[in-house]
């Protein structure tokens, strides 16, 4: 009595039939078309090779914040959503590489108009440039519907690894 061993030739029709039945039983709805992505032009201070990584398309949101302090939370959430892999998870270590305080002016459409350092980490000019690039690359920000335009201020807590937290959403520090 010989043992039956299936061969590729005998398995292929069975596998194809099974795959066909499974695929035919699936239903899906088409995805909506992708909106155009926000881009950072090289003339904004960062060379093309240092521009922000492309992120999944986002929906432009509206902020109903009534004052800059309330808008700060919306803006910080937006920065986090655009830089998930760069956010330090958990409590920060006791010594940070750099800390900077930056004011960002956002117009009524959520575009960055000006950046103003209130406390720049001058010992780390590469961090200054990277924070500015990150802020510009995250535009457009939630539209400040109730204020028209807004200047929001946040403190950037920067680890030597290049990961960061914003003071608005920090998980604390050891």
N, C-alpha and C. Protein backbone atom coordinates (compact mmCIF):
# COMPACT_ATOMS: atom_id res chain seq x y z
N UNK A 1 0.85 -1.17 0.00
CA UNK A 1 0.00 0.00 0.00
C UNK A 1 0.89 1.23 0.00
N UNK A 2 0.72 2.09 -0.97
CA UNK A 2 1.54 3.30 -1.04
C UNK A 2 0.80 4.44 -0.38
N UNK A 3 1.59 5.25 0.19
CA UNK A 3 1.05 6.43 0.89
C UNK A 3 0.84 7.54 -0.14
N UNK A 4 -0.32 8.18 -0.11
CA UNK A 4 -0.60 9.27 -1.03
C UNK A 4 0.10 10.53 -0.55
N UNK A 5 0.88 11.12 -1.41
CA UNK A 5 1.53 12.39 -1.08
C UNK A 5 1.12 13.40 -2.13
N UNK A 6 0.48 14.47 -1.69
CA UNK A 6 0.05 15.48 -2.67
C UNK A 6 1.26 16.16 -3.30
N UNK A 7 1.14 16.47 -4.57
CA UNK A 7 2.20 17.18 -5.28
C UNK A 7 1.72 18.59 -5.57
N UNK A 8 2.65 19.40 -6.03
CA UNK A 8 2.32 20.78 -6.38
C UNK A 8 1.22 20.81 -7.44
N UNK A 9 1.27 19.87 -8.36
CA UNK A 9 0.30 19.82 -9.44
C UNK A 9 -1.12 19.55 -8.91
N UNK A 10 -1.22 18.69 -7.89
CA UNK A 10 -2.55 18.37 -7.36
C UNK A 10 -3.02 19.41 -6.36
N UNK A 11 -2.10 20.10 -5.70
CA UNK A 11 -2.48 21.11 -4.72
C UNK A 11 -2.89 22.42 -5.37
N UNK A 12 -2.27 22.79 -6.46
CA UNK A 12 -2.51 24.08 -7.07
C UNK A 12 -3.99 24.33 -7.39
N UNK A 13 -4.71 23.42 -8.04
CA UNK A 13 -6.14 23.69 -8.30
C UNK A 13 -6.95 23.84 -7.02
N UNK A 14 -6.64 23.05 -6.00
CA UNK A 14 -7.38 23.15 -4.75
C UNK A 14 -7.11 24.47 -4.06
N UNK A 15 -5.86 24.89 -4.05
CA UNK A 15 -5.49 26.15 -3.42
C UNK A 15 -6.13 27.32 -4.17
N UNK A 16 -6.08 27.27 -5.49
CA UNK A 16 -6.68 28.34 -6.28
C UNK A 16 -8.20 28.40 -6.08
N UNK A 17 -8.83 27.25 -6.03
CA UNK A 17 -10.28 27.24 -5.83
C UNK A 17 -10.64 27.82 -4.47
N UNK A 18 -9.89 27.45 -3.45
CA UNK A 18 -10.14 27.96 -2.10
C UNK A 18 -9.93 29.47 -2.05
N UNK A 19 -8.84 29.94 -2.65
CA UNK A 19 -8.55 31.37 -2.66
C UNK A 19 -9.63 32.14 -3.41
N UNK A 20 -10.11 31.57 -4.50
CA UNK A 20 -11.15 32.23 -5.29
C UNK A 20 -12.45 32.36 -4.48
N UNK A 21 -12.82 31.28 -3.78
CA UNK A 21 -14.04 31.31 -2.97
C UNK A 21 -13.90 32.35 -1.86
N UNK A 22 -12.73 32.37 -1.20
CA UNK A 22 -12.53 33.34 -0.12
C UNK A 22 -12.58 34.77 -0.62
N UNK A 23 -11.92 35.03 -1.72
CA UNK A 23 -11.92 36.39 -2.27
C UNK A 23 -13.30 36.81 -2.76
N UNK A 24 -14.04 35.89 -3.34
CA UNK A 24 -15.37 36.22 -3.84
C UNK A 24 -16.33 36.54 -2.70
N UNK A 25 -16.07 35.96 -1.53
CA UNK A 25 -16.97 36.22 -0.41
C UNK A 25 -16.68 37.53 0.29
N UNK A 26 -15.58 38.15 -0.04
CA UNK A 26 -15.21 39.43 0.58
C UNK A 26 -15.91 40.57 -0.14
N UNK A 27 -16.33 41.54 0.63
CA UNK A 27 -16.87 42.76 0.04
C UNK A 27 -16.10 43.92 0.63
N UNK A 28 -15.95 44.95 -0.14
CA UNK A 28 -15.26 46.13 0.36
C UNK A 28 -15.83 47.35 -0.32
N UNK A 29 -15.63 48.46 0.34
CA UNK A 29 -16.03 49.72 -0.26
C UNK A 29 -14.77 50.42 -0.71
N UNK A 30 -14.82 51.12 -1.82
CA UNK A 30 -13.61 51.79 -2.28
C UNK A 30 -13.18 52.88 -1.31
N UNK A 31 -11.87 53.08 -1.21
CA UNK A 31 -11.33 54.12 -0.35
C UNK A 31 -11.54 55.48 -1.00
N UNK A 32 -11.75 56.52 -0.19
CA UNK A 32 -11.88 57.85 -0.78
C UNK A 32 -10.54 58.28 -1.35
N UNK A 33 -10.53 59.16 -2.34
CA UNK A 33 -9.26 59.60 -2.91
C UNK A 33 -8.44 60.34 -1.87
N UNK A 34 -7.12 60.21 -1.98
CA UNK A 34 -6.24 60.87 -1.02
C UNK A 34 -6.22 62.37 -1.29
N UNK A 35 -6.33 63.19 -0.22
CA UNK A 35 -6.19 64.63 -0.41
C UNK A 35 -4.73 64.95 -0.65
N UNK A 36 -4.43 66.11 -1.24
CA UNK A 36 -3.03 66.46 -1.46
C UNK A 36 -2.31 66.61 -0.13
N UNK A 37 -1.05 66.22 -0.12
CA UNK A 37 -0.27 66.29 1.11
C UNK A 37 0.39 67.66 1.25
N UNK A 38 0.53 68.06 2.51
CA UNK A 38 1.25 69.29 2.78
C UNK A 38 2.72 69.01 2.57
N UNK A 39 3.41 69.93 1.91
CA UNK A 39 4.84 69.72 1.67
C UNK A 39 5.63 70.87 2.26
N UNK A 40 6.89 70.58 2.47
CA UNK A 40 7.80 71.60 2.97
C UNK A 40 8.72 71.94 1.82
N UNK A 41 8.78 73.19 1.45
CA UNK A 41 9.66 73.56 0.36
C UNK A 41 11.07 73.74 0.88
N UNK A 42 12.08 73.40 0.05
CA UNK A 42 13.47 73.50 0.50
C UNK A 42 13.87 74.91 0.91
N UNK A 43 13.16 75.94 0.42
CA UNK A 43 13.55 77.30 0.77
C UNK A 43 13.10 77.68 2.18
N UNK A 44 12.50 76.76 2.93
CA UNK A 44 12.06 77.05 4.29
C UNK A 44 13.16 76.78 5.30
N UNK A 45 14.38 76.60 4.85
CA UNK A 45 15.48 76.47 5.79
C UNK A 45 16.08 75.09 5.87
N UNK A 46 15.39 74.05 5.49
CA UNK A 46 15.93 72.71 5.59
C UNK A 46 16.22 72.19 4.19
N UNK A 47 17.38 71.56 3.99
CA UNK A 47 17.66 70.98 2.68
C UNK A 47 16.66 69.86 2.39
N UNK A 48 16.50 69.54 1.11
CA UNK A 48 15.51 68.54 0.72
C UNK A 48 15.75 67.21 1.42
N UNK A 49 17.00 66.85 1.67
CA UNK A 49 17.30 65.57 2.32
C UNK A 49 16.91 65.57 3.79
N UNK A 50 16.71 66.72 4.39
CA UNK A 50 16.39 66.79 5.82
C UNK A 50 14.92 67.10 6.06
N UNK A 51 14.11 67.06 5.00
CA UNK A 51 12.71 67.37 5.18
C UNK A 51 12.01 66.27 5.95
N UNK A 52 10.86 66.59 6.47
CA UNK A 52 10.10 65.64 7.29
C UNK A 52 9.71 64.42 6.48
N UNK A 53 9.65 63.27 7.14
CA UNK A 53 9.17 62.09 6.44
C UNK A 53 7.71 62.27 6.07
N UNK A 54 7.30 61.67 4.96
CA UNK A 54 5.91 61.79 4.53
C UNK A 54 5.01 61.02 5.48
N UNK A 55 3.91 61.60 5.84
CA UNK A 55 2.96 60.98 6.75
C UNK A 55 1.70 60.66 5.99
N UNK A 56 0.86 59.86 6.60
CA UNK A 56 -0.40 59.56 5.98
C UNK A 56 -1.21 60.85 5.86
N UNK A 57 -2.05 60.93 4.85
CA UNK A 57 -2.83 62.17 4.67
C UNK A 57 -3.70 62.45 5.89
N UNK A 58 -3.89 63.72 6.14
CA UNK A 58 -4.68 64.09 7.30
C UNK A 58 -5.82 64.99 6.88
N UNK A 59 -6.81 65.02 7.69
CA UNK A 59 -7.94 65.91 7.48
C UNK A 59 -7.64 67.20 8.24
N UNK A 60 -7.83 68.33 7.56
CA UNK A 60 -7.59 69.60 8.23
C UNK A 60 -8.70 69.80 9.25
N UNK A 61 -8.29 69.98 10.48
CA UNK A 61 -9.25 70.10 11.58
C UNK A 61 -9.48 71.56 11.93
N UNK A 62 -10.51 71.77 12.69
CA UNK A 62 -10.83 73.09 13.19
C UNK A 62 -10.75 73.06 14.70
N UNK A 63 -10.11 74.08 15.26
CA UNK A 63 -10.04 74.21 16.72
C UNK A 63 -11.09 75.21 17.16
N UNK A 64 -11.83 74.85 18.19
CA UNK A 64 -12.81 75.76 18.76
C UNK A 64 -12.28 76.44 20.01
N UNK A 65 -10.96 76.42 20.18
CA UNK A 65 -10.35 77.06 21.35
C UNK A 65 -10.66 78.55 21.34
N UNK A 66 -10.92 79.07 22.53
CA UNK A 66 -11.28 80.48 22.66
C UNK A 66 -10.08 81.35 23.00
N UNK A 67 -8.94 80.73 23.36
CA UNK A 67 -7.75 81.51 23.71
C UNK A 67 -6.50 80.71 23.35
N UNK A 68 -5.35 81.38 23.29
CA UNK A 68 -4.11 80.69 22.89
C UNK A 68 -3.75 79.51 23.78
N UNK A 69 -4.03 79.59 25.06
CA UNK A 69 -3.69 78.49 25.96
C UNK A 69 -4.50 77.23 25.61
N UNK A 70 -5.76 77.41 25.29
CA UNK A 70 -6.60 76.27 24.90
C UNK A 70 -6.17 75.74 23.53
N UNK A 71 -5.78 76.64 22.64
CA UNK A 71 -5.32 76.21 21.31
C UNK A 71 -4.04 75.39 21.42
N UNK A 72 -3.22 75.71 22.39
CA UNK A 72 -1.94 75.01 22.58
C UNK A 72 -2.14 73.50 22.68
N UNK A 73 -3.18 73.05 23.36
CA UNK A 73 -3.45 71.61 23.47
C UNK A 73 -3.79 71.01 22.10
N UNK A 74 -4.58 71.72 21.29
CA UNK A 74 -4.91 71.23 19.95
C UNK A 74 -3.66 71.17 19.08
N UNK A 75 -2.83 72.19 19.17
CA UNK A 75 -1.60 72.23 18.37
C UNK A 75 -0.64 71.12 18.80
N UNK A 76 -0.50 70.91 20.10
CA UNK A 76 0.40 69.86 20.60
C UNK A 76 -0.08 68.49 20.14
N UNK A 77 -1.38 68.24 20.21
CA UNK A 77 -1.92 66.96 19.74
C UNK A 77 -1.63 66.78 18.24
N UNK A 78 -1.73 67.87 17.50
CA UNK A 78 -1.46 67.81 16.07
C UNK A 78 0.01 67.47 15.82
N UNK A 79 0.93 68.12 16.53
CA UNK A 79 2.36 67.82 16.37
C UNK A 79 2.61 66.35 16.70
N UNK A 80 2.02 65.85 17.77
CA UNK A 80 2.19 64.44 18.15
C UNK A 80 1.66 63.51 17.06
N UNK A 81 0.51 63.85 16.50
CA UNK A 81 -0.07 62.97 15.47
C UNK A 81 0.80 62.91 14.22
N UNK A 82 1.52 63.96 13.95
CA UNK A 82 2.39 64.00 12.77
C UNK A 82 3.78 63.41 13.04
N UNK A 83 4.12 63.18 14.30
CA UNK A 83 5.46 62.73 14.65
C UNK A 83 5.45 61.58 15.65
N UNK A 84 4.51 60.68 15.53
CA UNK A 84 4.32 59.60 16.49
C UNK A 84 5.58 58.82 16.82
N UNK A 85 6.39 58.52 15.82
CA UNK A 85 7.61 57.74 16.05
C UNK A 85 8.70 58.55 16.75
N UNK A 86 8.54 59.84 16.81
CA UNK A 86 9.56 60.69 17.42
C UNK A 86 9.21 61.14 18.84
N UNK A 87 8.03 60.76 19.31
CA UNK A 87 7.59 61.17 20.65
C UNK A 87 8.18 60.21 21.68
N UNK A 88 8.80 60.75 22.71
CA UNK A 88 9.34 59.94 23.81
C UNK A 88 8.16 59.35 24.57
N UNK A 89 8.16 58.05 24.71
CA UNK A 89 7.08 57.36 25.42
C UNK A 89 7.43 57.26 26.90
N UNK A 90 6.52 57.63 27.76
CA UNK A 90 6.74 57.53 29.20
C UNK A 90 7.40 58.77 29.77
N UNK A 91 7.88 58.61 31.00
CA UNK A 91 8.53 59.73 31.69
C UNK A 91 9.91 59.98 31.10
N UNK A 92 10.24 61.25 30.96
CA UNK A 92 11.56 61.62 30.44
C UNK A 92 12.63 61.38 31.49
N UNK A 93 13.87 61.12 31.06
CA UNK A 93 14.96 60.95 32.02
C UNK A 93 15.30 62.29 32.69
N UNK A 94 16.08 62.26 33.77
CA UNK A 94 16.35 63.49 34.51
C UNK A 94 17.14 64.55 33.73
N UNK A 95 18.05 64.13 32.89
CA UNK A 95 18.84 65.11 32.13
C UNK A 95 18.44 65.07 30.66
N UNK A 96 18.01 66.21 30.15
CA UNK A 96 17.64 66.32 28.75
C UNK A 96 18.74 67.03 27.98
N UNK A 97 18.82 66.75 26.70
CA UNK A 97 19.82 67.37 25.86
C UNK A 97 19.52 68.85 25.62
N UNK A 98 18.24 69.17 25.41
CA UNK A 98 17.87 70.56 25.12
C UNK A 98 16.43 70.83 25.55
N UNK A 99 16.21 72.07 25.94
CA UNK A 99 14.86 72.55 26.26
C UNK A 99 14.71 73.90 25.58
N UNK A 100 13.63 74.06 24.85
CA UNK A 100 13.39 75.32 24.16
C UNK A 100 11.95 75.74 24.29
N UNK A 101 11.74 77.06 24.30
CA UNK A 101 10.38 77.61 24.36
C UNK A 101 10.16 78.38 23.07
N UNK A 102 9.15 77.96 22.31
CA UNK A 102 8.90 78.51 20.99
C UNK A 102 7.48 79.03 20.87
N UNK A 103 7.35 80.24 20.30
CA UNK A 103 6.04 80.80 19.96
C UNK A 103 5.82 80.57 18.47
N UNK A 104 4.63 80.12 18.14
CA UNK A 104 4.28 79.86 16.74
C UNK A 104 3.02 80.65 16.41
N UNK A 105 3.09 81.47 15.39
CA UNK A 105 1.90 82.20 14.92
C UNK A 105 1.27 81.40 13.80
N UNK A 106 -0.03 81.12 13.96
CA UNK A 106 -0.79 80.35 12.98
C UNK A 106 -1.91 81.24 12.46
N UNK A 107 -2.04 81.30 11.11
CA UNK A 107 -3.10 82.13 10.53
C UNK A 107 -4.44 81.39 10.56
N UNK A 108 -5.47 82.03 10.03
CA UNK A 108 -6.83 81.48 10.11
C UNK A 108 -6.98 80.16 9.35
N UNK A 109 -6.09 79.85 8.41
CA UNK A 109 -6.15 78.57 7.68
C UNK A 109 -5.29 77.49 8.33
N UNK A 110 -4.58 77.85 9.41
CA UNK A 110 -3.73 76.88 10.09
C UNK A 110 -2.29 76.86 9.59
N UNK A 111 -1.93 77.82 8.76
CA UNK A 111 -0.56 77.89 8.23
C UNK A 111 0.35 78.63 9.21
N UNK A 112 1.60 78.19 9.29
CA UNK A 112 2.58 78.84 10.16
C UNK A 112 3.02 80.14 9.50
N UNK A 113 2.92 81.23 10.24
CA UNK A 113 3.35 82.54 9.74
C UNK A 113 4.71 82.92 10.30
N UNK A 114 4.90 82.84 11.59
CA UNK A 114 6.18 83.21 12.19
C UNK A 114 6.53 82.27 13.33
N UNK A 115 7.83 82.16 13.58
CA UNK A 115 8.35 81.43 14.73
C UNK A 115 9.18 82.41 15.53
N UNK A 116 9.02 82.37 16.85
CA UNK A 116 9.77 83.28 17.71
C UNK A 116 10.28 82.49 18.92
N UNK A 117 11.59 82.38 19.04
CA UNK A 117 12.17 81.67 20.18
C UNK A 117 12.16 82.56 21.41
N UNK A 118 11.49 82.12 22.45
CA UNK A 118 11.52 82.82 23.74
C UNK A 118 12.72 82.33 24.55
N UNK A 119 13.06 81.06 24.38
CA UNK A 119 14.24 80.48 25.01
C UNK A 119 14.76 79.42 24.05
N UNK A 120 15.79 79.77 23.30
CA UNK A 120 16.35 78.84 22.32
C UNK A 120 17.47 78.03 22.96
N UNK A 121 17.57 76.74 22.67
CA UNK A 121 18.68 75.94 23.16
C UNK A 121 19.93 76.21 22.31
N UNK A 122 20.58 77.34 22.57
CA UNK A 122 21.69 77.81 21.72
C UNK A 122 22.88 76.87 21.72
N UNK A 123 23.01 76.03 22.74
CA UNK A 123 24.11 75.06 22.77
C UNK A 123 23.87 73.93 21.77
N UNK A 124 22.66 73.85 21.23
CA UNK A 124 22.30 72.77 20.30
C UNK A 124 21.61 73.36 19.07
N UNK A 125 22.36 74.04 18.19
CA UNK A 125 21.72 74.67 17.03
C UNK A 125 21.02 73.66 16.12
N UNK A 126 21.47 72.41 16.13
CA UNK A 126 20.81 71.39 15.30
C UNK A 126 19.40 71.10 15.83
N UNK A 127 19.20 71.24 17.14
CA UNK A 127 17.89 71.03 17.73
C UNK A 127 16.97 72.20 17.36
N UNK A 128 17.50 73.41 17.40
CA UNK A 128 16.71 74.59 16.98
C UNK A 128 16.21 74.38 15.56
N UNK A 129 17.11 74.00 14.66
CA UNK A 129 16.73 73.80 13.26
C UNK A 129 15.72 72.66 13.11
N UNK A 130 15.90 71.59 13.87
CA UNK A 130 14.99 70.45 13.77
C UNK A 130 13.60 70.77 14.31
N UNK A 131 13.53 71.51 15.39
CA UNK A 131 12.23 71.91 15.93
C UNK A 131 11.52 72.81 14.93
N UNK A 132 12.22 73.78 14.38
CA UNK A 132 11.60 74.67 13.40
C UNK A 132 11.12 73.89 12.18
N UNK A 133 11.93 72.95 11.71
CA UNK A 133 11.55 72.13 10.57
C UNK A 133 10.31 71.29 10.91
N UNK A 134 10.28 70.73 12.11
CA UNK A 134 9.15 69.90 12.55
C UNK A 134 7.87 70.72 12.63
N UNK A 135 7.96 71.93 13.17
CA UNK A 135 6.78 72.80 13.28
C UNK A 135 6.25 73.14 11.89
N UNK A 136 7.14 73.53 10.99
CA UNK A 136 6.70 73.90 9.64
C UNK A 136 6.14 72.70 8.88
N UNK A 137 6.77 71.54 9.04
CA UNK A 137 6.32 70.34 8.31
C UNK A 137 4.96 69.86 8.78
N UNK A 138 4.57 70.20 10.01
CA UNK A 138 3.28 69.75 10.55
C UNK A 138 2.11 70.60 10.06
N UNK A 139 2.38 71.71 9.39
CA UNK A 139 1.31 72.57 8.89
C UNK A 139 0.55 71.86 7.78
N UNK A 140 -0.72 72.10 7.64
CA UNK A 140 -1.51 73.07 8.36
C UNK A 140 -1.98 72.53 9.72
N UNK A 141 -2.04 73.43 10.68
CA UNK A 141 -2.51 73.13 12.03
C UNK A 141 -4.03 73.28 12.06
N UNK A 142 -4.67 72.84 13.15
CA UNK A 142 -6.11 73.07 13.25
C UNK A 142 -6.43 74.56 13.10
N UNK A 143 -7.43 74.85 12.30
CA UNK A 143 -7.80 76.25 12.04
C UNK A 143 -8.40 76.86 13.31
N UNK A 144 -7.86 78.00 13.77
CA UNK A 144 -8.39 78.64 14.99
C UNK A 144 -9.68 79.41 14.68
N UNK A 145 -10.78 78.69 14.60
CA UNK A 145 -12.05 79.25 14.14
C UNK A 145 -12.54 80.43 14.97
N UNK A 146 -12.38 80.38 16.28
CA UNK A 146 -12.92 81.43 17.14
C UNK A 146 -11.98 82.61 17.31
N UNK A 147 -10.72 82.47 16.89
CA UNK A 147 -9.75 83.55 17.11
C UNK A 147 -9.26 84.17 15.81
N UNK A 148 -9.49 83.55 14.69
CA UNK A 148 -8.98 84.09 13.43
C UNK A 148 -7.54 83.70 13.21
N UNK A 149 -6.67 84.11 14.07
CA UNK A 149 -5.28 83.67 14.07
C UNK A 149 -4.88 83.51 15.52
N UNK A 150 -3.75 82.86 15.76
CA UNK A 150 -3.35 82.61 17.14
C UNK A 150 -1.83 82.50 17.22
N UNK A 151 -1.29 82.91 18.36
CA UNK A 151 0.11 82.67 18.68
C UNK A 151 0.11 81.73 19.88
N UNK A 152 0.62 80.51 19.68
CA UNK A 152 0.68 79.55 20.77
C UNK A 152 2.13 79.31 21.16
N UNK A 153 2.33 79.05 22.42
CA UNK A 153 3.67 78.87 22.98
C UNK A 153 3.74 77.49 23.62
N UNK A 154 4.83 76.77 23.36
CA UNK A 154 5.03 75.50 24.03
C UNK A 154 6.51 75.29 24.29
N UNK A 155 6.78 74.45 25.27
CA UNK A 155 8.15 74.11 25.64
C UNK A 155 8.48 72.75 25.06
N UNK A 156 9.58 72.70 24.32
CA UNK A 156 10.04 71.47 23.70
C UNK A 156 11.08 70.82 24.61
N UNK A 157 10.82 69.59 25.01
CA UNK A 157 11.70 68.84 25.89
C UNK A 157 12.39 67.78 25.02
N UNK A 158 13.68 67.99 24.75
CA UNK A 158 14.39 67.23 23.71
C UNK A 158 15.41 66.28 24.32
N UNK A 159 15.28 65.00 23.98
CA UNK A 159 16.23 63.98 24.41
C UNK A 159 17.35 63.87 23.36
N UNK A 160 18.53 63.42 23.78
CA UNK A 160 19.66 63.33 22.85
C UNK A 160 19.40 62.35 21.70
N UNK A 161 18.43 61.45 21.84
CA UNK A 161 18.09 60.51 20.78
C UNK A 161 17.33 61.17 19.63
N UNK A 162 16.88 62.40 19.85
CA UNK A 162 16.06 63.08 18.84
C UNK A 162 14.57 62.95 19.12
N UNK A 163 14.21 62.18 20.14
CA UNK A 163 12.81 62.10 20.54
C UNK A 163 12.50 63.26 21.47
N UNK A 164 11.22 63.61 21.54
CA UNK A 164 10.84 64.78 22.33
C UNK A 164 9.45 64.61 22.91
N UNK A 165 9.14 65.50 23.82
CA UNK A 165 7.78 65.70 24.32
C UNK A 165 7.55 67.20 24.35
N UNK A 166 6.30 67.58 24.25
CA UNK A 166 5.91 68.97 24.45
C UNK A 166 5.40 69.10 25.87
N UNK A 167 5.71 70.22 26.51
CA UNK A 167 5.30 70.41 27.89
C UNK A 167 3.79 70.25 28.07
N UNK A 168 3.03 70.67 27.09
CA UNK A 168 1.57 70.56 27.17
C UNK A 168 1.11 69.13 27.36
N UNK A 169 1.82 68.17 26.75
CA UNK A 169 1.40 66.77 26.79
C UNK A 169 2.43 65.87 27.47
N UNK A 170 3.35 66.45 28.20
CA UNK A 170 4.42 65.65 28.79
C UNK A 170 3.90 64.62 29.76
N UNK A 171 4.61 63.51 29.85
CA UNK A 171 4.29 62.46 30.81
C UNK A 171 5.13 62.61 32.08
N UNK A 172 5.83 63.73 32.20
CA UNK A 172 6.64 64.00 33.37
C UNK A 172 8.11 63.63 33.16
N UNK A 173 8.85 63.85 34.19
CA UNK A 173 10.30 63.62 34.11
C UNK A 173 10.76 63.01 35.43
N UNK A 174 11.68 62.06 35.35
CA UNK A 174 12.23 61.43 36.56
C UNK A 174 13.18 62.35 37.27
